[in-house]
Amino acid sequence: MTNSTEMHSLLWSYTQGCFHIEPLRTMLEKNLRSFLRGYGTDFAPLFFGSDDDCRAARRVLAEHKECLSDPMTAAPESVTEAKAVGDLCDAFMADLMKRMAKHQQHANPAPQ
């Protein structure tokens, strides 16, 4: 288990089609090395938090994997479509946070 106070990042690889979790410091060091060498990166950061929070977010995102399909990655063609995508992202993040809070309650029940 990693240090619980260390920030982690949940990443998505478009070419590999999978999630990856690593310490935030590691992700930033890799991105800086890629930048300095003139390379891009395939990993998109999706969430930051503790290792446990990133794992919970990964579980929720895996359940909603259809949100990562092509229609979500396509650029909006109009302001109305952009607002609809923004509303969908807001609703998705609200649902993600609610599910993570519920997961935390089940993982750490209040003493009775």
N, C-alpha and C. Protein backbone atom coordinates (compact mmCIF):
# COMPACT_ATOMS: atom_id res chain seq x y z
N MET A 1 0.84 -1.18 0.00
CA MET A 1 0.00 0.00 0.00
C MET A 1 0.89 1.24 0.00
N THR A 2 0.44 2.24 -0.69
CA THR A 2 1.22 3.47 -0.79
C THR A 2 0.87 4.43 0.34
N ASN A 3 1.65 5.46 0.46
CA ASN A 3 1.41 6.50 1.44
C ASN A 3 0.03 7.11 1.18
N SER A 4 -0.86 7.09 2.18
CA SER A 4 -2.23 7.54 1.96
C SER A 4 -2.34 9.04 1.73
N THR A 5 -1.32 9.81 2.11
CA THR A 5 -1.38 11.25 1.90
C THR A 5 -0.83 11.66 0.54
N GLU A 6 -0.18 10.74 -0.16
CA GLU A 6 0.39 11.06 -1.47
C GLU A 6 -0.73 11.16 -2.51
N MET A 7 -0.70 12.24 -3.30
CA MET A 7 -1.69 12.41 -4.36
C MET A 7 -1.38 11.47 -5.52
N HIS A 8 -2.44 10.92 -6.10
CA HIS A 8 -2.32 10.03 -7.25
C HIS A 8 -3.15 10.58 -8.41
N SER A 9 -2.89 10.05 -9.57
CA SER A 9 -3.65 10.44 -10.75
C SER A 9 -4.23 9.19 -11.41
N LEU A 10 -5.47 9.33 -11.86
CA LEU A 10 -6.11 8.29 -12.64
C LEU A 10 -6.01 8.73 -14.09
N LEU A 11 -5.39 7.91 -14.91
CA LEU A 11 -5.14 8.25 -16.31
C LEU A 11 -5.89 7.28 -17.22
N TRP A 12 -6.16 7.73 -18.44
CA TRP A 12 -6.77 6.89 -19.47
C TRP A 12 -5.87 6.90 -20.69
N SER A 13 -5.52 5.70 -21.17
CA SER A 13 -4.72 5.57 -22.39
C SER A 13 -5.66 5.33 -23.56
N TYR A 14 -5.64 6.25 -24.51
CA TYR A 14 -6.51 6.09 -25.67
C TYR A 14 -6.07 4.94 -26.56
N THR A 15 -4.77 4.76 -26.75
CA THR A 15 -4.30 3.69 -27.64
C THR A 15 -4.44 2.32 -27.00
N GLN A 16 -4.23 2.23 -25.69
CA GLN A 16 -4.34 0.95 -25.00
C GLN A 16 -5.76 0.66 -24.54
N GLY A 17 -6.60 1.71 -24.47
CA GLY A 17 -7.98 1.53 -24.04
C GLY A 17 -8.08 1.07 -22.59
N CYS A 18 -7.22 1.62 -21.72
CA CYS A 18 -7.25 1.18 -20.33
C CYS A 18 -6.88 2.31 -19.38
N PHE A 19 -7.21 2.10 -18.11
CA PHE A 19 -6.89 3.05 -17.05
C PHE A 19 -5.51 2.73 -16.48
N HIS A 20 -4.93 3.75 -15.84
CA HIS A 20 -3.66 3.58 -15.15
C HIS A 20 -3.65 4.53 -13.97
N ILE A 21 -3.17 4.06 -12.82
CA ILE A 21 -3.06 4.91 -11.63
C ILE A 21 -1.59 4.97 -11.24
N GLU A 22 -1.13 6.18 -10.97
CA GLU A 22 0.24 6.35 -10.50
C GLU A 22 0.32 7.62 -9.65
N PRO A 23 1.37 7.73 -8.82
CA PRO A 23 1.53 8.95 -8.04
C PRO A 23 1.58 10.18 -8.95
N LEU A 24 0.97 11.26 -8.49
CA LEU A 24 0.93 12.48 -9.27
C LEU A 24 2.33 12.95 -9.63
N ARG A 25 3.25 12.85 -8.70
CA ARG A 25 4.64 13.26 -8.96
C ARG A 25 5.23 12.46 -10.12
N THR A 26 4.98 11.16 -10.16
CA THR A 26 5.49 10.31 -11.24
C THR A 26 4.91 10.73 -12.58
N MET A 27 3.59 11.00 -12.60
CA MET A 27 2.94 11.41 -13.84
C MET A 27 3.54 12.71 -14.34
N LEU A 28 3.73 13.67 -13.45
CA LEU A 28 4.29 14.96 -13.86
C LEU A 28 5.73 14.83 -14.35
N GLU A 29 6.52 13.99 -13.69
CA GLU A 29 7.91 13.77 -14.13
C GLU A 29 7.94 13.16 -15.53
N LYS A 30 7.07 12.17 -15.78
CA LYS A 30 7.01 11.54 -17.11
C LYS A 30 6.58 12.55 -18.16
N ASN A 31 5.56 13.38 -17.83
CA ASN A 31 5.09 14.37 -18.79
C ASN A 31 6.16 15.41 -19.09
N LEU A 32 6.90 15.82 -18.07
CA LEU A 32 7.98 16.79 -18.28
C LEU A 32 9.07 16.20 -19.16
N ARG A 33 9.46 14.93 -18.90
CA ARG A 33 10.47 14.27 -19.75
C ARG A 33 9.99 14.19 -21.19
N SER A 34 8.71 13.82 -21.38
CA SER A 34 8.17 13.74 -22.74
C SER A 34 8.21 15.09 -23.43
N PHE A 35 7.83 16.13 -22.69
CA PHE A 35 7.84 17.48 -23.24
C PHE A 35 9.25 17.90 -23.65
N LEU A 36 10.22 17.67 -22.76
CA LEU A 36 11.60 18.07 -23.03
C LEU A 36 12.21 17.30 -24.21
N ARG A 37 11.74 16.09 -24.44
CA ARG A 37 12.22 15.29 -25.57
C ARG A 37 11.42 15.52 -26.84
N GLY A 38 10.38 16.33 -26.74
CA GLY A 38 9.57 16.64 -27.91
C GLY A 38 8.55 15.58 -28.25
N TYR A 39 8.17 14.77 -27.27
CA TYR A 39 7.18 13.72 -27.50
C TYR A 39 5.86 14.09 -26.84
N GLY A 40 4.81 13.48 -27.32
CA GLY A 40 3.50 13.63 -26.69
C GLY A 40 3.26 12.48 -25.73
N THR A 41 2.12 12.51 -25.10
CA THR A 41 1.75 11.41 -24.22
C THR A 41 0.36 10.92 -24.58
N ASP A 42 0.15 9.65 -24.42
CA ASP A 42 -1.12 9.03 -24.74
C ASP A 42 -2.07 9.05 -23.54
N PHE A 43 -1.56 9.32 -22.36
CA PHE A 43 -2.36 9.22 -21.15
C PHE A 43 -3.01 10.55 -20.80
N ALA A 44 -4.32 10.53 -20.66
CA ALA A 44 -5.08 11.72 -20.29
C ALA A 44 -5.47 11.61 -18.82
N PRO A 45 -5.14 12.63 -18.02
CA PRO A 45 -5.55 12.58 -16.61
C PRO A 45 -7.05 12.79 -16.49
N LEU A 46 -7.70 11.95 -15.68
CA LEU A 46 -9.14 12.03 -15.49
C LEU A 46 -9.53 12.43 -14.08
N PHE A 47 -8.68 12.10 -13.11
CA PHE A 47 -9.04 12.30 -11.71
C PHE A 47 -7.78 12.37 -10.88
N PHE A 48 -7.80 13.17 -9.82
CA PHE A 48 -6.70 13.25 -8.87
C PHE A 48 -7.25 13.04 -7.48
N GLY A 49 -6.50 12.33 -6.66
CA GLY A 49 -6.90 12.09 -5.28
C GLY A 49 -5.97 11.08 -4.65
N SER A 50 -6.40 10.51 -3.54
CA SER A 50 -5.59 9.47 -2.90
C SER A 50 -5.60 8.23 -3.81
N ASP A 51 -4.73 7.29 -3.53
CA ASP A 51 -4.72 6.04 -4.28
C ASP A 51 -6.09 5.37 -4.21
N ASP A 52 -6.66 5.30 -3.01
CA ASP A 52 -7.98 4.68 -2.84
C ASP A 52 -9.06 5.42 -3.61
N ASP A 53 -9.03 6.77 -3.59
CA ASP A 53 -10.01 7.55 -4.34
C ASP A 53 -9.89 7.30 -5.84
N CYS A 54 -8.65 7.21 -6.33
CA CYS A 54 -8.44 6.94 -7.75
C CYS A 54 -8.95 5.56 -8.13
N ARG A 55 -8.75 4.60 -7.26
CA ARG A 55 -9.27 3.25 -7.53
C ARG A 55 -10.79 3.22 -7.54
N ALA A 56 -11.41 3.97 -6.62
CA ALA A 56 -12.87 4.06 -6.60
C ALA A 56 -13.38 4.75 -7.86
N ALA A 57 -12.70 5.83 -8.27
CA ALA A 57 -13.09 6.54 -9.49
C ALA A 57 -12.94 5.62 -10.71
N ARG A 58 -11.88 4.82 -10.73
CA ARG A 58 -11.69 3.89 -11.84
C ARG A 58 -12.84 2.89 -11.92
N ARG A 59 -13.27 2.38 -10.76
CA ARG A 59 -14.40 1.43 -10.75
C ARG A 59 -15.66 2.08 -11.32
N VAL A 60 -15.93 3.32 -10.90
CA VAL A 60 -17.12 4.01 -11.37
C VAL A 60 -17.01 4.30 -12.86
N LEU A 61 -15.84 4.78 -13.30
CA LEU A 61 -15.66 5.08 -14.72
C LEU A 61 -15.74 3.82 -15.57
N ALA A 62 -15.26 2.71 -15.06
CA ALA A 62 -15.35 1.45 -15.81
C ALA A 62 -16.82 1.07 -16.00
N GLU A 63 -17.66 1.35 -14.99
CA GLU A 63 -19.09 1.08 -15.11
C GLU A 63 -19.72 1.96 -16.19
N HIS A 64 -19.19 3.14 -16.37
CA HIS A 64 -19.72 4.10 -17.34
C HIS A 64 -18.80 4.24 -18.55
N LYS A 65 -18.14 3.17 -18.92
CA LYS A 65 -17.15 3.23 -19.99
C LYS A 65 -17.73 3.76 -21.30
N GLU A 66 -19.01 3.60 -21.50
CA GLU A 66 -19.61 4.11 -22.74
C GLU A 66 -19.47 5.62 -22.84
N CYS A 67 -19.26 6.31 -21.70
CA CYS A 67 -19.05 7.76 -21.73
C CYS A 67 -17.71 8.12 -22.35
N LEU A 68 -16.82 7.13 -22.50
CA LEU A 68 -15.50 7.38 -23.08
C LEU A 68 -15.46 7.03 -24.57
N SER A 69 -16.62 6.68 -25.14
CA SER A 69 -16.65 6.27 -26.54
C SER A 69 -16.49 7.47 -27.46
N ASP A 70 -16.43 7.21 -28.73
CA ASP A 70 -16.17 8.24 -29.74
C ASP A 70 -17.07 9.47 -29.66
N PRO A 71 -18.39 9.34 -29.45
CA PRO A 71 -19.20 10.56 -29.41
C PRO A 71 -18.75 11.54 -28.33
N MET A 72 -18.20 11.04 -27.24
CA MET A 72 -17.76 11.93 -26.16
C MET A 72 -16.44 12.62 -26.52
N THR A 73 -15.64 12.00 -27.34
CA THR A 73 -14.34 12.58 -27.66
C THR A 73 -14.42 13.52 -28.86
N ALA A 74 -15.53 13.45 -29.60
CA ALA A 74 -15.67 14.31 -30.77
C ALA A 74 -15.87 15.76 -30.32
N ALA A 75 -15.31 16.67 -31.07
CA ALA A 75 -15.47 18.09 -30.75
C ALA A 75 -16.90 18.51 -31.00
N PRO A 76 -17.50 19.29 -30.10
CA PRO A 76 -18.87 19.77 -30.32
C PRO A 76 -18.93 20.64 -31.57
N GLU A 77 -20.03 20.53 -32.31
CA GLU A 77 -20.17 21.28 -33.54
C GLU A 77 -20.88 22.61 -33.34
N SER A 78 -21.51 22.80 -32.18
CA SER A 78 -22.21 24.06 -31.94
C SER A 78 -22.18 24.38 -30.46
N VAL A 79 -22.57 25.60 -30.13
CA VAL A 79 -22.63 26.01 -28.73
C VAL A 79 -23.64 25.15 -27.98
N THR A 80 -24.78 24.87 -28.61
CA THR A 80 -25.80 24.05 -27.98
C THR A 80 -25.25 22.66 -27.67
N GLU A 81 -24.53 22.08 -28.63
CA GLU A 81 -23.94 20.76 -28.41
C GLU A 81 -22.86 20.83 -27.33
N ALA A 82 -22.07 21.90 -27.33
CA ALA A 82 -21.04 22.05 -26.30
C ALA A 82 -21.67 22.14 -24.92
N LYS A 83 -22.79 22.88 -24.80
CA LYS A 83 -23.49 22.98 -23.52
C LYS A 83 -24.02 21.61 -23.11
N ALA A 84 -24.55 20.84 -24.06
CA ALA A 84 -25.08 19.51 -23.75
C ALA A 84 -23.96 18.61 -23.25
N VAL A 85 -22.79 18.67 -23.89
CA VAL A 85 -21.64 17.87 -23.46
C VAL A 85 -21.20 18.32 -22.07
N GLY A 86 -21.16 19.64 -21.83
CA GLY A 86 -20.79 20.16 -20.52
C GLY A 86 -21.76 19.72 -19.44
N ASP A 87 -23.06 19.76 -19.75
CA ASP A 87 -24.08 19.30 -18.80
C ASP A 87 -23.91 17.82 -18.50
N LEU A 88 -23.62 17.04 -19.54
CA LEU A 88 -23.41 15.60 -19.35
C LEU A 88 -22.19 15.37 -18.46
N CYS A 89 -21.11 16.12 -18.69
CA CYS A 89 -19.91 15.96 -17.87
C CYS A 89 -20.19 16.36 -16.42
N ASP A 90 -20.94 17.46 -16.22
CA ASP A 90 -21.30 17.89 -14.86
C ASP A 90 -22.11 16.82 -14.16
N ALA A 91 -23.10 16.26 -14.86
CA ALA A 91 -23.94 15.21 -14.27
C ALA A 91 -23.11 13.97 -13.96
N PHE A 92 -22.20 13.64 -14.87
CA PHE A 92 -21.36 12.46 -14.65
C PHE A 92 -20.46 12.66 -13.43
N MET A 93 -19.84 13.85 -13.30
CA MET A 93 -18.96 14.10 -12.15
C MET A 93 -19.76 14.12 -10.85
N ALA A 94 -20.98 14.66 -10.87
CA ALA A 94 -21.83 14.64 -9.66
C ALA A 94 -22.14 13.20 -9.27
N ASP A 95 -22.46 12.37 -10.26
CA ASP A 95 -22.73 10.96 -10.00
C ASP A 95 -21.48 10.26 -9.48
N LEU A 96 -20.33 10.55 -10.07
CA LEU A 96 -19.06 9.96 -9.63
C LEU A 96 -18.79 10.29 -8.17
N MET A 97 -18.94 11.56 -7.80
CA MET A 97 -18.67 11.96 -6.42
C MET A 97 -19.66 11.31 -5.46
N LYS A 98 -20.92 11.19 -5.87
CA LYS A 98 -21.93 10.54 -5.02
C LYS A 98 -21.59 9.06 -4.81
N ARG A 99 -21.20 8.38 -5.88
CA ARG A 99 -20.84 6.97 -5.78
C ARG A 99 -19.59 6.77 -4.92
N MET A 100 -18.63 7.68 -5.05
CA MET A 100 -17.41 7.55 -4.25
C MET A 100 -17.72 7.77 -2.77
N ALA A 101 -18.61 8.73 -2.46
CA ALA A 101 -19.00 8.96 -1.06
C ALA A 101 -19.71 7.73 -0.50
N LYS A 102 -20.57 7.13 -1.31
CA LYS A 102 -21.27 5.92 -0.89
C LYS A 102 -20.28 4.78 -0.66
N HIS A 103 -19.30 4.66 -1.56
CA HIS A 103 -18.27 3.63 -1.41
C HIS A 103 -17.49 3.85 -0.11
N GLN A 104 -17.15 5.10 0.19
CA GLN A 104 -16.41 5.43 1.41
C GLN A 104 -17.24 5.05 2.64
N GLN A 105 -18.55 5.31 2.60
CA GLN A 105 -19.41 4.96 3.74
C GLN A 105 -19.41 3.46 3.97
N HIS A 106 -19.45 2.67 2.90
CA HIS A 106 -19.45 1.22 3.04
C HIS A 106 -18.08 0.72 3.48
N ALA A 107 -17.03 1.38 3.03
CA ALA A 107 -15.67 0.95 3.38
C ALA A 107 -15.32 1.34 4.81
N ASN A 108 -15.87 2.47 5.30
CA ASN A 108 -15.58 2.96 6.65
C ASN A 108 -16.88 3.25 7.38
N PRO A 109 -17.63 2.21 7.79
CA PRO A 109 -18.91 2.46 8.46
C PRO A 109 -18.71 3.21 9.78
N ALA A 110 -19.68 4.06 10.11
CA ALA A 110 -19.61 4.84 11.36
C ALA A 110 -19.73 3.90 12.55
N PRO A 111 -18.95 4.16 13.63
CA PRO A 111 -19.05 3.32 14.81
C PRO A 111 -20.43 3.45 15.45
N GLN A 112 -20.89 2.35 16.02
CA GLN A 112 -22.23 2.35 16.61
C GLN A 112 -22.19 2.26 18.09
